[in-house]
């Protein structure tokens, strides 16, 4: 067998006895073939199908060949074309477990550049499959981002420079007011902020655009002109019969174990009372 060069490219491992193939890519073809052989000889190769055939037919029935020399930056794209073209993920044709380039079988050879984490930091990932498993991410979704095949510009806050719908800016929200009534600093990357504070990103966006008034006590100052006085209520009557003015109804309800939705229904007349609380208009 010809010794592979220290070059990057797409390779094939052929089982002569049954005609099945394995397709992979590597930044160093010689090193990658050596890695395959060492694992197969030890009997602990990560690809159980390839290992089983090796054990059954013997090393002399396997042939390593170079399909294409490719620049490192184009390895995954080229490998994907070969995977698609040969159908090597079909168990009747090949040994590949996954039909996506950069799968665990070739994890040692793959370095993924271009990712940006939810905090906006650029990240270089070695072994994308294991990285996703360790961080609770979906490998196919991250792979589609990297390959530019995703219909979304991001996945769980992660972005990639190849994403075709990636925006060249990140929206900044300047107007959120926390449950204690304090206006917070402008928020860039709202999704990351919501994860950090236990909030729902979809609801917070709705608050910012005025579709709902508040989420878990958070409001947005742009709502005030459209919705009128936002959170001062002078008509609530306590279970003891005392008329009380409430500022920030959501915070008040959390403090007194009340349901903010129910209290608003009382205020609107859709509910007579909630836990003894009632509502009287000022002119009553």
C-alpha atoms as a PDB file:
ATOM      1  CA  UNK A   1       0.000   0.000   0.000  1.00  0.00           C
ATOM      2  CA  UNK A   2       1.310   3.454  -0.893  1.00  0.00           C
ATOM      3  CA  UNK A   3       2.086   5.548   2.189  1.00  0.00           C
ATOM      4  CA  UNK A   4      -0.234   8.598   2.262  1.00  0.00           C
ATOM      5  CA  UNK A   5       1.445  12.026   2.295  1.00  0.00           C
ATOM      6  CA  UNK A   6       1.205  14.584   5.096  1.00  0.00           C
ATOM      7  CA  UNK A   7      -1.434  16.498   3.148  1.00  0.00           C
ATOM      8  CA  UNK A   8      -5.075  17.403   3.664  1.00  0.00           C
ATOM      9  CA  UNK A   9      -7.769  15.706   1.665  1.00  0.00           C
ATOM     10  CA  UNK A  10     -10.648  13.262   1.420  1.00  0.00           C
ATOM     11  CA  UNK A  11      -9.891   9.562   1.729  1.00  0.00           C
ATOM     12  CA  UNK A  12     -11.558   6.182   1.353  1.00  0.00           C
ATOM     13  CA  UNK A  13     -11.076   2.912   3.218  1.00  0.00           C
ATOM     14  CA  UNK A  14     -12.212  -0.009   1.079  1.00  0.00           C
ATOM     15  CA  UNK A  15     -12.964  -3.484   2.343  1.00  0.00           C
ATOM     16  CA  UNK A  16     -11.936  -5.583  -0.667  1.00  0.00           C
ATOM     17  CA  UNK A  17     -13.775  -8.650   0.634  1.00  0.00           C
ATOM     18  CA  UNK A  18     -17.267  -7.103   0.643  1.00  0.00           C
ATOM     19  CA  UNK A  19     -16.797  -3.914  -1.399  1.00  0.00           C
ATOM     20  CA  UNK A  20     -17.974  -1.584   1.367  1.00  0.00           C
ATOM     21  CA  UNK A  21     -16.277   1.771   1.860  1.00  0.00           C
ATOM     22  CA  UNK A  22     -15.647   4.351   4.538  1.00  0.00           C
ATOM     23  CA  UNK A  23     -15.298   8.026   3.574  1.00  0.00           C
ATOM     24  CA  UNK A  24     -13.504  10.585   5.713  1.00  0.00           C
ATOM     25  CA  UNK A  25     -11.353  13.689   5.535  1.00  0.00           C
ATOM     26  CA  UNK A  26      -8.237  14.790   7.390  1.00  0.00           C
ATOM     27  CA  UNK A  27      -5.807  17.666   7.665  1.00  0.00           C
ATOM     28  CA  UNK A  28      -3.033  15.041   7.682  1.00  0.00           C
ATOM     29  CA  UNK A  29      -3.908  11.963   5.635  1.00  0.00           C
ATOM     30  CA  UNK A  30      -0.933   9.882   6.763  1.00  0.00           C
ATOM     31  CA  UNK A  31      -1.570  10.582  10.432  1.00  0.00           C
ATOM     32  CA  UNK A  32      -5.253   9.822  10.040  1.00  0.00           C
ATOM     33  CA  UNK A  33      -4.632   6.447   8.388  1.00  0.00           C
ATOM     34  CA  UNK A  34      -2.181   5.580  11.168  1.00  0.00           C
ATOM     35  CA  UNK A  35      -4.848   6.478  13.728  1.00  0.00           C
ATOM     36  CA  UNK A  36      -7.382   4.243  11.993  1.00  0.00           C
ATOM     37  CA  UNK A  37      -4.998   1.284  11.834  1.00  0.00           C
ATOM     38  CA  UNK A  38      -3.907   1.594  15.466  1.00  0.00           C
ATOM     39  CA  UNK A  39      -7.505   1.619  16.670  1.00  0.00           C
ATOM     40  CA  UNK A  40      -8.539  -1.239  14.385  1.00  0.00           C
ATOM     41  CA  UNK A  41      -5.566  -3.368  15.413  1.00  0.00           C
ATOM     42  CA  UNK A  42      -6.379  -2.787  19.072  1.00  0.00           C
ATOM     43  CA  UNK A  43     -10.017  -3.648  18.425  1.00  0.00           C
ATOM     44  CA  UNK A  44     -11.379  -0.423  19.898  1.00  0.00           C
ATOM     45  CA  UNK A  45     -12.235   1.627  16.784  1.00  0.00           C
ATOM     46  CA  UNK A  46     -15.148   4.041  17.312  1.00  0.00           C
ATOM     47  CA  UNK A  47     -16.879   2.755  14.186  1.00  0.00           C
ATOM     48  CA  UNK A  48     -18.247  -0.659  15.187  1.00  0.00           C
ATOM     49  CA  UNK A  49     -19.165  -1.594  11.592  1.00  0.00           C
ATOM     50  CA  UNK A  50     -15.653  -0.947  10.302  1.00  0.00           C
ATOM     51  CA  UNK A  51     -14.143  -2.780  13.281  1.00  0.00           C
ATOM     52  CA  UNK A  52     -16.384  -5.796  12.758  1.00  0.00           C
ATOM     53  CA  UNK A  53     -15.355  -6.097   9.082  1.00  0.00           C
ATOM     54  CA  UNK A  54     -11.677  -5.681   9.990  1.00  0.00           C
ATOM     55  CA  UNK A  55     -11.948  -8.468  12.574  1.00  0.00           C
ATOM     56  CA  UNK A  56     -13.776 -10.726  10.116  1.00  0.00           C
ATOM     57  CA  UNK A  57     -11.705 -10.257   6.938  1.00  0.00           C
ATOM     58  CA  UNK A  58      -8.337  -9.198   8.317  1.00  0.00           C
ATOM     59  CA  UNK A  59      -6.091  -6.200   7.704  1.00  0.00           C
ATOM     60  CA  UNK A  60      -4.883  -7.494   4.329  1.00  0.00           C
ATOM     61  CA  UNK A  61      -8.401  -6.985   2.929  1.00  0.00           C
ATOM     62  CA  UNK A  62      -8.458  -3.235   3.553  1.00  0.00           C
ATOM     63  CA  UNK A  63      -7.169  -0.573   1.218  1.00  0.00           C
ATOM     64  CA  UNK A  64      -6.636   3.109   1.974  1.00  0.00           C
ATOM     65  CA  UNK A  65      -6.797   5.529  -0.963  1.00  0.00           C
ATOM     66  CA  UNK A  66      -6.905   9.278  -1.477  1.00  0.00           C
ATOM     67  CA  UNK A  67      -9.983  10.519  -3.301  1.00  0.00           C
ATOM     68  CA  UNK A  68      -9.090  14.189  -3.477  1.00  0.00           C
ATOM     69  CA  UNK A  69      -6.480  16.587  -2.147  1.00  0.00           C
ATOM     70  CA  UNK A  70      -8.316  19.539  -0.643  1.00  0.00           C
ATOM     71  CA  UNK A  71      -7.309  22.684   1.198  1.00  0.00           C
ATOM     72  CA  UNK A  72      -8.079  22.537   4.931  1.00  0.00           C
ATOM     73  CA  UNK A  73     -10.746  25.223   4.668  1.00  0.00           C
ATOM     74  CA  UNK A  74     -12.679  23.145   2.094  1.00  0.00           C
ATOM     75  CA  UNK A  75     -12.351  19.706   3.722  1.00  0.00           C
ATOM     76  CA  UNK A  76     -15.851  19.377   5.093  1.00  0.00           C
ATOM     77  CA  UNK A  77     -17.553  20.591   1.932  1.00  0.00           C
ATOM     78  CA  UNK A  78     -15.540  18.162  -0.183  1.00  0.00           C
ATOM     79  CA  UNK A  79     -16.140  15.279   2.231  1.00  0.00           C
ATOM     80  CA  UNK A  80     -19.870  15.975   2.186  1.00  0.00           C
ATOM     81  CA  UNK A  81     -19.925  15.760  -1.606  1.00  0.00           C
ATOM     82  CA  UNK A  82     -18.212  12.378  -1.488  1.00  0.00           C
ATOM     83  CA  UNK A  83     -20.527  11.100   1.246  1.00  0.00           C
ATOM     84  CA  UNK A  84     -23.572  12.167  -0.749  1.00  0.00           C
ATOM     85  CA  UNK A  85     -22.173  10.846  -4.016  1.00  0.00           C
ATOM     86  CA  UNK A  86     -21.150   7.410  -2.756  1.00  0.00           C
ATOM     87  CA  UNK A  87     -24.019   6.773  -0.340  1.00  0.00           C
ATOM     88  CA  UNK A  88     -21.485   5.376   2.136  1.00  0.00           C
ATOM     89  CA  UNK A  89     -23.860   5.920   5.085  1.00  0.00           C
ATOM     90  CA  UNK A  90     -26.147   3.268   3.567  1.00  0.00           C
ATOM     91  CA  UNK A  91     -25.336   0.073   5.428  1.00  0.00           C
ATOM     92  CA  UNK A  92     -25.452  -1.887   2.164  1.00  0.00           C
ATOM     93  CA  UNK A  93     -22.809   0.371   0.651  1.00  0.00           C
ATOM     94  CA  UNK A  94     -20.512   1.642   3.348  1.00  0.00           C
ATOM     95  CA  UNK A  95     -19.385   1.847   6.936  1.00  0.00           C
ATOM     96  CA  UNK A  96     -20.123   5.519   7.692  1.00  0.00           C
ATOM     97  CA  UNK A  97     -22.455   5.830  10.646  1.00  0.00           C
ATOM     98  CA  UNK A  98     -23.518   9.386   9.843  1.00  0.00           C
ATOM     99  CA  UNK A  99     -24.356  11.009   6.533  1.00  0.00           C
ATOM    100  CA  UNK A 100     -22.956  14.357   7.710  1.00  0.00           C
ATOM    101  CA  UNK A 101     -19.324  15.332   7.180  1.00  0.00           C
ATOM    102  CA  UNK A 102     -17.375  15.860  10.381  1.00  0.00           C
ATOM    103  CA  UNK A 103     -19.196  13.094  12.257  1.00  0.00           C
ATOM    104  CA  UNK A 104     -17.633  11.425  15.328  1.00  0.00           C
ATOM    105  CA  UNK A 105     -15.708   8.929  13.222  1.00  0.00           C
ATOM    106  CA  UNK A 106     -13.542  11.764  11.906  1.00  0.00           C
ATOM    107  CA  UNK A 107     -13.699  13.931  15.005  1.00  0.00           C
ATOM    108  CA  UNK A 108      -9.936  13.933  15.564  1.00  0.00           C
ATOM    109  CA  UNK A 109      -9.371  15.510  12.163  1.00  0.00           C
ATOM    110  CA  UNK A 110     -11.956  18.286  12.287  1.00  0.00           C
ATOM    111  CA  UNK A 111     -11.377  21.802  13.579  1.00  0.00           C
ATOM    112  CA  UNK A 112     -14.402  24.085  13.293  1.00  0.00           C
ATOM    113  CA  UNK A 113     -13.783  27.811  13.016  1.00  0.00           C
ATOM    114  CA  UNK A 114     -16.328  30.593  12.631  1.00  0.00           C
ATOM    115  CA  UNK A 115     -18.645  29.870  15.562  1.00  0.00           C
ATOM    116  CA  UNK A 116     -19.792  32.666  17.854  1.00  0.00           C
ATOM    117  CA  UNK A 117     -21.165  31.728  21.280  1.00  0.00           C
ATOM    118  CA  UNK A 118     -24.302  33.310  22.825  1.00  0.00           C
ATOM    119  CA  UNK A 119     -22.136  35.984  24.475  1.00  0.00           C
ATOM    120  CA  UNK A 120     -20.672  37.064  21.134  1.00  0.00           C
ATOM    121  CA  UNK A 121     -17.258  35.410  21.587  1.00  0.00           C
ATOM    122  CA  UNK A 122     -15.588  33.660  18.656  1.00  0.00           C
ATOM    123  CA  UNK A 123     -14.964  29.978  19.413  1.00  0.00           C
ATOM    124  CA  UNK A 124     -12.806  27.398  17.643  1.00  0.00           C
ATOM    125  CA  UNK A 125     -14.174  23.897  18.220  1.00  0.00           C
ATOM    126  CA  UNK A 126     -12.236  20.660  17.916  1.00  0.00           C
ATOM    127  CA  UNK A 127     -14.561  17.652  17.653  1.00  0.00           C
ATOM    128  CA  UNK A 128     -17.934  19.298  17.115  1.00  0.00           C
ATOM    129  CA  UNK A 129     -19.865  16.146  17.985  1.00  0.00           C
ATOM    130  CA  UNK A 130     -18.336  15.780  21.464  1.00  0.00           C
ATOM    131  CA  UNK A 131     -18.564  19.547  22.007  1.00  0.00           C
ATOM    132  CA  UNK A 132     -22.311  19.454  21.329  1.00  0.00           C
ATOM    133  CA  UNK A 133     -22.791  16.461  23.603  1.00  0.00           C
ATOM    134  CA  UNK A 134     -20.891  18.161  26.451  1.00  0.00           C
ATOM    135  CA  UNK A 135     -22.768  21.464  26.112  1.00  0.00           C
ATOM    136  CA  UNK A 136     -26.289  20.140  25.532  1.00  0.00           C
ATOM    137  CA  UNK A 137     -26.405  21.219  21.878  1.00  0.00           C
ATOM    138  CA  UNK A 138     -27.894  19.452  18.876  1.00  0.00           C
ATOM    139  CA  UNK A 139     -25.096  18.316  16.558  1.00  0.00           C
ATOM    140  CA  UNK A 140     -27.086  18.429  13.269  1.00  0.00           C
ATOM    141  CA  UNK A 141     -28.283  21.970  14.065  1.00  0.00           C
ATOM    142  CA  UNK A 142     -24.767  23.206  14.795  1.00  0.00           C
ATOM    143  CA  UNK A 143     -23.463  21.409  11.719  1.00  0.00           C
ATOM    144  CA  UNK A 144     -26.088  23.046   9.487  1.00  0.00           C
ATOM    145  CA  UNK A 145     -25.054  26.467  10.810  1.00  0.00           C
ATOM    146  CA  UNK A 146     -21.408  25.759  10.007  1.00  0.00           C
ATOM    147  CA  UNK A 147     -22.205  24.459   6.528  1.00  0.00           C
ATOM    148  CA  UNK A 148     -24.506  27.381   5.702  1.00  0.00           C
ATOM    149  CA  UNK A 149     -27.493  25.055   5.322  1.00  0.00           C
ATOM    150  CA  UNK A 150     -29.548  26.277   8.261  1.00  0.00           C
ATOM    151  CA  UNK A 151     -32.820  28.113   7.691  1.00  0.00           C
ATOM    152  CA  UNK A 152     -32.141  29.989  10.938  1.00  0.00           C
ATOM    153  CA  UNK A 153     -29.426  32.546  11.605  1.00  0.00           C
ATOM    154  CA  UNK A 154     -28.699  31.036  15.018  1.00  0.00           C
ATOM    155  CA  UNK A 155     -29.250  28.020  17.252  1.00  0.00           C
ATOM    156  CA  UNK A 156     -29.630  28.545  21.009  1.00  0.00           C
ATOM    157  CA  UNK A 157     -27.725  31.804  20.638  1.00  0.00           C
ATOM    158  CA  UNK A 158     -24.878  30.197  18.668  1.00  0.00           C
ATOM    159  CA  UNK A 159     -24.095  31.681  15.269  1.00  0.00           C
ATOM    160  CA  UNK A 160     -21.631  30.927  12.482  1.00  0.00           C
ATOM    161  CA  UNK A 161     -20.096  33.145   9.851  1.00  0.00           C
ATOM    162  CA  UNK A 162     -21.428  30.807   7.137  1.00  0.00           C
ATOM    163  CA  UNK A 163     -25.039  31.272   8.177  1.00  0.00           C
ATOM    164  CA  UNK A 164     -26.738  32.806   5.119  1.00  0.00           C
ATOM    165  CA  UNK A 165     -29.280  34.678   7.213  1.00  0.00           C
ATOM    166  CA  UNK A 166     -26.863  35.944   9.841  1.00  0.00           C
ATOM    167  CA  UNK A 167     -27.342  39.616  10.522  1.00  0.00           C
ATOM    168  CA  UNK A 168     -24.395  41.972  10.468  1.00  0.00           C
ATOM    169  CA  UNK A 169     -25.623  43.502  13.720  1.00  0.00           C
ATOM    170  CA  UNK A 170     -27.110  42.412  17.021  1.00  0.00           C
ATOM    171  CA  UNK A 171     -30.193  44.283  18.180  1.00  0.00           C
ATOM    172  CA  UNK A 172     -29.787  46.299  21.366  1.00  0.00           C
ATOM    173  CA  UNK A 173     -32.795  46.843  23.626  1.00  0.00           C
ATOM    174  CA  UNK A 174     -32.619  50.115  25.554  1.00  0.00           C
ATOM    175  CA  UNK A 175     -35.739  50.464  27.667  1.00  0.00           C
ATOM    176  CA  UNK A 176     -36.269  47.413  29.858  1.00  0.00           C
ATOM    177  CA  UNK A 177     -37.368  48.062  33.432  1.00  0.00           C
ATOM    178  CA  UNK A 178     -36.748  45.363  36.030  1.00  0.00           C
ATOM    179  CA  UNK A 179     -39.393  44.163  38.549  1.00  0.00           C
ATOM    180  CA  UNK A 180     -38.106  46.687  41.119  1.00  0.00           C
ATOM    181  CA  UNK A 181     -38.809  49.567  38.764  1.00  0.00           C
ATOM    182  CA  UNK A 182     -35.195  50.251  37.755  1.00  0.00           C
ATOM    183  CA  UNK A 183     -34.285  50.894  34.161  1.00  0.00           C
ATOM    184  CA  UNK A 184     -31.473  48.501  33.254  1.00  0.00           C
ATOM    185  CA  UNK A 185     -28.487  49.161  31.034  1.00  0.00           C
ATOM    186  CA  UNK A 186     -29.059  48.569  27.293  1.00  0.00           C
ATOM    187  CA  UNK A 187     -29.254  44.815  26.602  1.00  0.00           C
ATOM    188  CA  UNK A 188     -27.299  43.416  23.680  1.00  0.00           C
ATOM    189  CA  UNK A 189     -28.007  39.748  22.966  1.00  0.00           C
ATOM    190  CA  UNK A 190     -31.358  39.468  24.659  1.00  0.00           C
ATOM    191  CA  UNK A 191     -31.390  35.675  24.374  1.00  0.00           C
ATOM    192  CA  UNK A 192     -28.241  35.349  26.499  1.00  0.00           C
ATOM    193  CA  UNK A 193     -29.627  37.866  29.015  1.00  0.00           C
ATOM    194  CA  UNK A 194     -32.848  35.868  29.354  1.00  0.00           C
ATOM    195  CA  UNK A 195     -31.002  32.604  29.935  1.00  0.00           C
ATOM    196  CA  UNK A 196     -28.897  34.242  32.632  1.00  0.00           C
ATOM    197  CA  UNK A 197     -31.937  35.695  34.437  1.00  0.00           C
ATOM    198  CA  UNK A 198     -34.408  32.835  33.977  1.00  0.00           C
ATOM    199  CA  UNK A 199     -36.633  34.742  31.552  1.00  0.00           C
ATOM    200  CA  UNK A 200     -38.385  33.697  28.350  1.00  0.00           C
ATOM    201  CA  UNK A 201     -36.805  35.372  25.337  1.00  0.00           C
ATOM    202  CA  UNK A 202     -40.004  35.254  23.251  1.00  0.00           C
ATOM    203  CA  UNK A 203     -42.016  36.957  25.984  1.00  0.00           C
ATOM    204  CA  UNK A 204     -39.367  39.620  26.557  1.00  0.00           C
ATOM    205  CA  UNK A 205     -39.329  40.451  22.844  1.00  0.00           C
ATOM    206  CA  UNK A 206     -43.122  40.731  22.970  1.00  0.00           C
ATOM    207  CA  UNK A 207     -42.799  43.126  25.912  1.00  0.00           C
ATOM    208  CA  UNK A 208     -40.257  45.251  24.022  1.00  0.00           C
ATOM    209  CA  UNK A 209     -42.579  45.467  20.987  1.00  0.00           C
ATOM    210  CA  UNK A 210     -45.676  46.215  23.037  1.00  0.00           C
ATOM    211  CA  UNK A 211     -47.520  42.977  22.312  1.00  0.00           C
ATOM    212  CA  UNK A 212     -47.769  42.225  26.025  1.00  0.00           C
ATOM    213  CA  UNK A 213     -47.330  44.609  28.918  1.00  0.00           C
ATOM    214  CA  UNK A 214     -44.968  42.661  31.169  1.00  0.00           C
ATOM    215  CA  UNK A 215     -43.165  39.367  31.729  1.00  0.00           C
ATOM    216  CA  UNK A 216     -42.349  38.291  35.283  1.00  0.00           C
ATOM    217  CA  UNK A 217     -42.429  41.923  36.346  1.00  0.00           C
ATOM    218  CA  UNK A 218     -40.243  43.198  33.516  1.00  0.00           C
ATOM    219  CA  UNK A 219     -41.673  46.054  31.437  1.00  0.00           C
ATOM    220  CA  UNK A 220     -40.415  48.308  28.650  1.00  0.00           C
ATOM    221  CA  UNK A 221     -40.653  52.090  28.758  1.00  0.00           C
ATOM    222  CA  UNK A 222     -41.821  52.370  25.135  1.00  0.00           C
ATOM    223  CA  UNK A 223     -45.058  50.705  26.240  1.00  0.00           C
ATOM    224  CA  UNK A 224     -46.021  53.553  28.509  1.00  0.00           C
ATOM    225  CA  UNK A 225     -47.104  55.974  25.775  1.00  0.00           C
ATOM    226  CA  UNK A 226     -49.303  53.341  24.148  1.00  0.00           C
ATOM    227  CA  UNK A 227     -50.763  51.763  27.235  1.00  0.00           C
ATOM    228  CA  UNK A 228     -51.139  54.762  29.541  1.00  0.00           C
ATOM    229  CA  UNK A 229     -50.012  54.718  33.184  1.00  0.00           C
ATOM    230  CA  UNK A 230     -48.322  51.322  33.373  1.00  0.00           C
ATOM    231  CA  UNK A 231     -48.222  50.092  36.902  1.00  0.00           C
ATOM    232  CA  UNK A 232     -49.899  52.380  39.411  1.00  0.00           C
ATOM    233  CA  UNK A 233     -53.321  51.101  40.525  1.00  0.00           C
ATOM    234  CA  UNK A 234     -55.376  53.137  43.012  1.00  0.00           C
ATOM    235  CA  UNK A 235     -58.554  51.079  43.158  1.00  0.00           C
ATOM    236  CA  UNK A 236     -57.633  47.829  44.860  1.00  0.00           C
ATOM    237  CA  UNK A 237     -59.333  47.042  48.158  1.00  0.00           C
ATOM    238  CA  UNK A 238     -57.593  44.602  50.495  1.00  0.00           C
ATOM    239  CA  UNK A 239     -59.405  41.721  52.279  1.00  0.00           C
ATOM    240  CA  UNK A 240     -59.520  44.012  55.349  1.00  0.00           C
ATOM    241  CA  UNK A 241     -61.470  46.637  53.399  1.00  0.00           C
ATOM    242  CA  UNK A 242     -58.623  49.123  53.012  1.00  0.00           C
ATOM    243  CA  UNK A 243     -58.184  50.915  49.726  1.00  0.00           C
ATOM    244  CA  UNK A 244     -54.568  50.550  48.572  1.00  0.00           C
ATOM    245  CA  UNK A 245     -52.554  52.186  45.817  1.00  0.00           C
ATOM    246  CA  UNK A 246     -50.197  49.677  44.196  1.00  0.00           C
ATOM    247  CA  UNK A 247     -47.113  50.575  42.189  1.00  0.00           C
ATOM    248  CA  UNK A 248     -45.683  47.693  40.143  1.00  0.00           C
ATOM    249  CA  UNK A 249     -48.502  45.186  40.381  1.00  0.00           C
ATOM    250  CA  UNK A 250     -46.336  42.211  39.394  1.00  0.00           C
ATOM    251  CA  UNK A 251     -43.850  42.799  42.213  1.00  0.00           C
ATOM    252  CA  UNK A 252     -46.701  43.391  44.677  1.00  0.00           C
ATOM    253  CA  UNK A 253     -48.360  40.111  43.689  1.00  0.00           C
ATOM    254  CA  UNK A 254     -45.167  38.142  44.067  1.00  0.00           C
ATOM    255  CA  UNK A 255     -44.611  39.623  47.509  1.00  0.00           C
ATOM    256  CA  UNK A 256     -48.182  38.846  48.672  1.00  0.00           C
ATOM    257  CA  UNK A 257     -48.623  35.489  46.917  1.00  0.00           C
ATOM    258  CA  UNK A 258     -51.249  36.788  44.509  1.00  0.00           C
ATOM    259  CA  UNK A 259     -51.829  36.067  40.841  1.00  0.00           C
ATOM    260  CA  UNK A 260     -51.076  39.135  38.727  1.00  0.00           C
ATOM    261  CA  UNK A 261     -53.342  37.895  35.941  1.00  0.00           C
ATOM    262  CA  UNK A 262     -56.202  37.358  38.386  1.00  0.00           C
ATOM    263  CA  UNK A 263     -55.674  40.776  39.930  1.00  0.00           C
ATOM    264  CA  UNK A 264     -55.866  42.397  36.512  1.00  0.00           C
ATOM    265  CA  UNK A 265     -59.071  40.462  35.843  1.00  0.00           C
ATOM    266  CA  UNK A 266     -60.465  41.876  39.103  1.00  0.00           C
ATOM    267  CA  UNK A 267     -59.469  45.372  38.009  1.00  0.00           C
ATOM    268  CA  UNK A 268     -61.121  44.861  34.589  1.00  0.00           C
ATOM    269  CA  UNK A 269     -64.325  43.531  36.155  1.00  0.00           C
ATOM    270  CA  UNK A 270     -63.934  40.039  34.674  1.00  0.00           C
ATOM    271  CA  UNK A 271     -63.484  38.563  38.148  1.00  0.00           C
ATOM    272  CA  UNK A 272     -65.306  39.663  41.291  1.00  0.00           C
ATOM    273  CA  UNK A 273     -62.414  39.085  43.661  1.00  0.00           C
ATOM    274  CA  UNK A 274     -59.121  37.277  44.092  1.00  0.00           C
ATOM    275  CA  UNK A 275     -58.147  35.974  47.534  1.00  0.00           C
ATOM    276  CA  UNK A 276     -60.361  38.613  49.096  1.00  0.00           C
ATOM    277  CA  UNK A 277     -59.028  41.485  47.014  1.00  0.00           C
ATOM    278  CA  UNK A 278     -61.584  43.549  45.109  1.00  0.00           C
ATOM    279  CA  UNK A 279     -61.563  46.686  42.971  1.00  0.00           C
ATOM    280  CA  UNK A 280     -63.376  49.991  43.289  1.00  0.00           C
ATOM    281  CA  UNK A 281     -63.171  52.752  40.735  1.00  0.00           C
ATOM    282  CA  UNK A 282     -62.149  56.117  42.127  1.00  0.00           C
ATOM    283  CA  UNK A 283     -65.583  57.667  41.572  1.00  0.00           C
ATOM    284  CA  UNK A 284     -67.398  54.955  43.528  1.00  0.00           C
END
